[in-house]
Protein backbone atom coordinates (compact mmCIF):
# COMPACT_ATOMS: atom_id res chain seq x y z
CA MET A 1 -82.24 19.84 -36.30
CA ARG A 2 -85.65 19.21 -36.29
CA LEU A 3 -88.63 18.27 -39.37
CA TYR A 4 -91.75 19.55 -39.14
CA ARG A 5 -94.80 18.53 -41.24
CA LEU A 6 -97.90 20.08 -41.50
CA TYR A 7 -101.04 18.55 -42.89
CA THR A 8 -103.83 20.43 -43.62
CA GLU A 9 -106.77 20.25 -46.36
CA ARG A 10 -106.07 22.25 -49.57
CA LYS A 11 -108.18 25.44 -49.05
CA ARG A 12 -106.09 28.93 -49.73
CA LYS A 13 -102.79 27.74 -50.61
CA ALA A 14 -101.56 31.45 -51.37
CA TRP A 15 -102.94 32.59 -47.94
CA LEU A 16 -100.95 29.28 -46.11
CA ILE A 17 -97.64 30.02 -47.99
CA ARG A 18 -97.76 33.74 -46.86
CA LEU A 19 -98.76 32.29 -43.33
CA VAL A 20 -95.63 30.19 -43.11
CA THR A 21 -93.15 32.44 -44.93
CA GLU A 22 -93.44 34.79 -42.28
CA HIS A 23 -92.55 32.81 -39.83
CA PHE A 24 -89.97 30.52 -41.11
CA ASN A 25 -86.67 31.46 -44.08
CA GLY A 26 -87.54 27.77 -46.06
CA PHE A 27 -90.31 24.92 -46.30
CA THR A 28 -91.56 22.63 -48.91
CA VAL A 29 -94.65 22.73 -50.05
CA PHE A 30 -96.58 19.08 -51.21
CA ASP A 31 -99.73 18.73 -52.59
CA THR A 32 -101.55 15.58 -51.89
CA ILE A 33 -104.89 13.82 -50.90
CA GLY A 34 -105.73 12.63 -47.47
CA VAL A 35 -108.33 10.51 -46.06
CA TRP A 36 -109.91 11.33 -42.68
CA ASN A 37 -112.84 9.46 -41.67
CA GLY A 38 -112.81 7.17 -44.71
CA ILE A 39 -113.66 10.36 -46.77
CA GLN A 40 -110.54 11.65 -49.66
CA GLU A 41 -109.79 14.88 -49.39
CA LYS A 42 -107.48 17.17 -51.43
CA SER A 43 -104.62 18.42 -48.77
CA VAL A 44 -101.07 20.06 -48.69
CA CYS A 45 -98.14 19.13 -46.63
CA ILE A 46 -95.61 21.50 -45.39
CA GLU A 47 -92.32 20.38 -44.92
CA ILE A 48 -90.27 22.42 -42.09
CA ILE A 49 -86.18 21.27 -41.63
CA THR A 50 -85.07 23.96 -38.74
CA SER A 51 -83.26 24.40 -35.99
CA ASP A 52 -85.17 27.25 -34.19
CA VAL A 53 -86.33 26.51 -30.79
CA VAL A 54 -89.96 27.94 -30.85
CA ALA A 55 -90.34 26.54 -34.40
CA ALA A 56 -93.21 23.98 -32.35
CA CYS A 57 -94.78 27.51 -31.22
CA LYS A 58 -94.56 29.14 -34.44
CA LEU A 59 -96.76 26.16 -35.99
CA GLY A 60 -98.79 26.07 -33.32
CA TRP A 61 -100.28 29.24 -33.96
CA ILE A 62 -100.14 28.59 -37.38
CA SER A 63 -102.60 25.73 -36.58
CA HIS A 64 -104.86 27.58 -34.83
CA ALA A 65 -104.80 30.35 -37.74
CA ILE A 66 -105.77 27.85 -39.95
CA CYS A 67 -108.55 25.96 -38.29
CA GLY A 68 -109.90 29.03 -37.90
CA LEU A 69 -110.26 30.54 -41.49
CA ASN A 70 -110.42 26.85 -42.76
CA ARG A 71 -113.10 26.26 -40.50
CA GLN A 72 -111.41 22.91 -39.40
CA GLY A 73 -111.09 20.91 -36.88
CA CYS A 74 -107.71 19.69 -36.58
CA VAL A 75 -104.58 20.45 -38.36
CA LEU A 76 -101.73 17.88 -38.05
CA ILE A 77 -97.74 18.15 -37.26
CA ILE A 78 -95.69 15.11 -37.44
CA GLU A 79 -91.81 16.10 -35.43
CA HIS A 80 -88.63 14.00 -36.12
CA ASP A 81 -84.96 14.46 -35.21
CA VAL A 82 -83.51 14.54 -38.57
CA SER A 83 -79.59 15.15 -39.84
CA ALA A 84 -79.19 17.39 -42.75
CA LYS A 85 -76.48 18.52 -45.31
CA LEU A 86 -77.09 20.68 -47.69
CA TYR A 87 -74.63 20.13 -50.55
CA LYS A 88 -73.09 23.18 -52.70
CA THR A 89 -70.95 23.29 -55.47
CA ASN A 90 -67.81 24.83 -52.96
CA GLY A 91 -68.55 22.03 -50.63
CA VAL A 92 -70.83 20.23 -47.69
CA GLU A 93 -72.60 22.27 -45.05
CA LYS A 94 -74.51 20.63 -42.24
CA LEU A 95 -77.28 22.57 -41.50
CA THR A 96 -77.18 23.34 -37.46
C-alpha cells in the first residue's frame, strides 16, 4: 500500500475534488495553512491510500492539471509505504 499526500493552494476546491474522484474511489481532504517562501497561504491536502500501481502517474496528471488551471508553479506530492487495516463491524480487513 502507498499513501500519497498532494498539497496545493486552496483554489477551486470543488473542481479539485471532482478531478481526483475521476481517478480514485476514496480519499480524504484537509484544509490547511501552508507556508511557501515565507508567505502563508490557504492550502488543501488530499490524502490517498491505494495499491493502484499507476497512482503516481494519475497524480502526476492531476498535478499538471492543477498547475495549469490555478496558474501555480508547482504541486507537492509526498509518498509513503504504509500498512493499512479497515476496521468493520464484522472484523478487520487488511487493505492490499
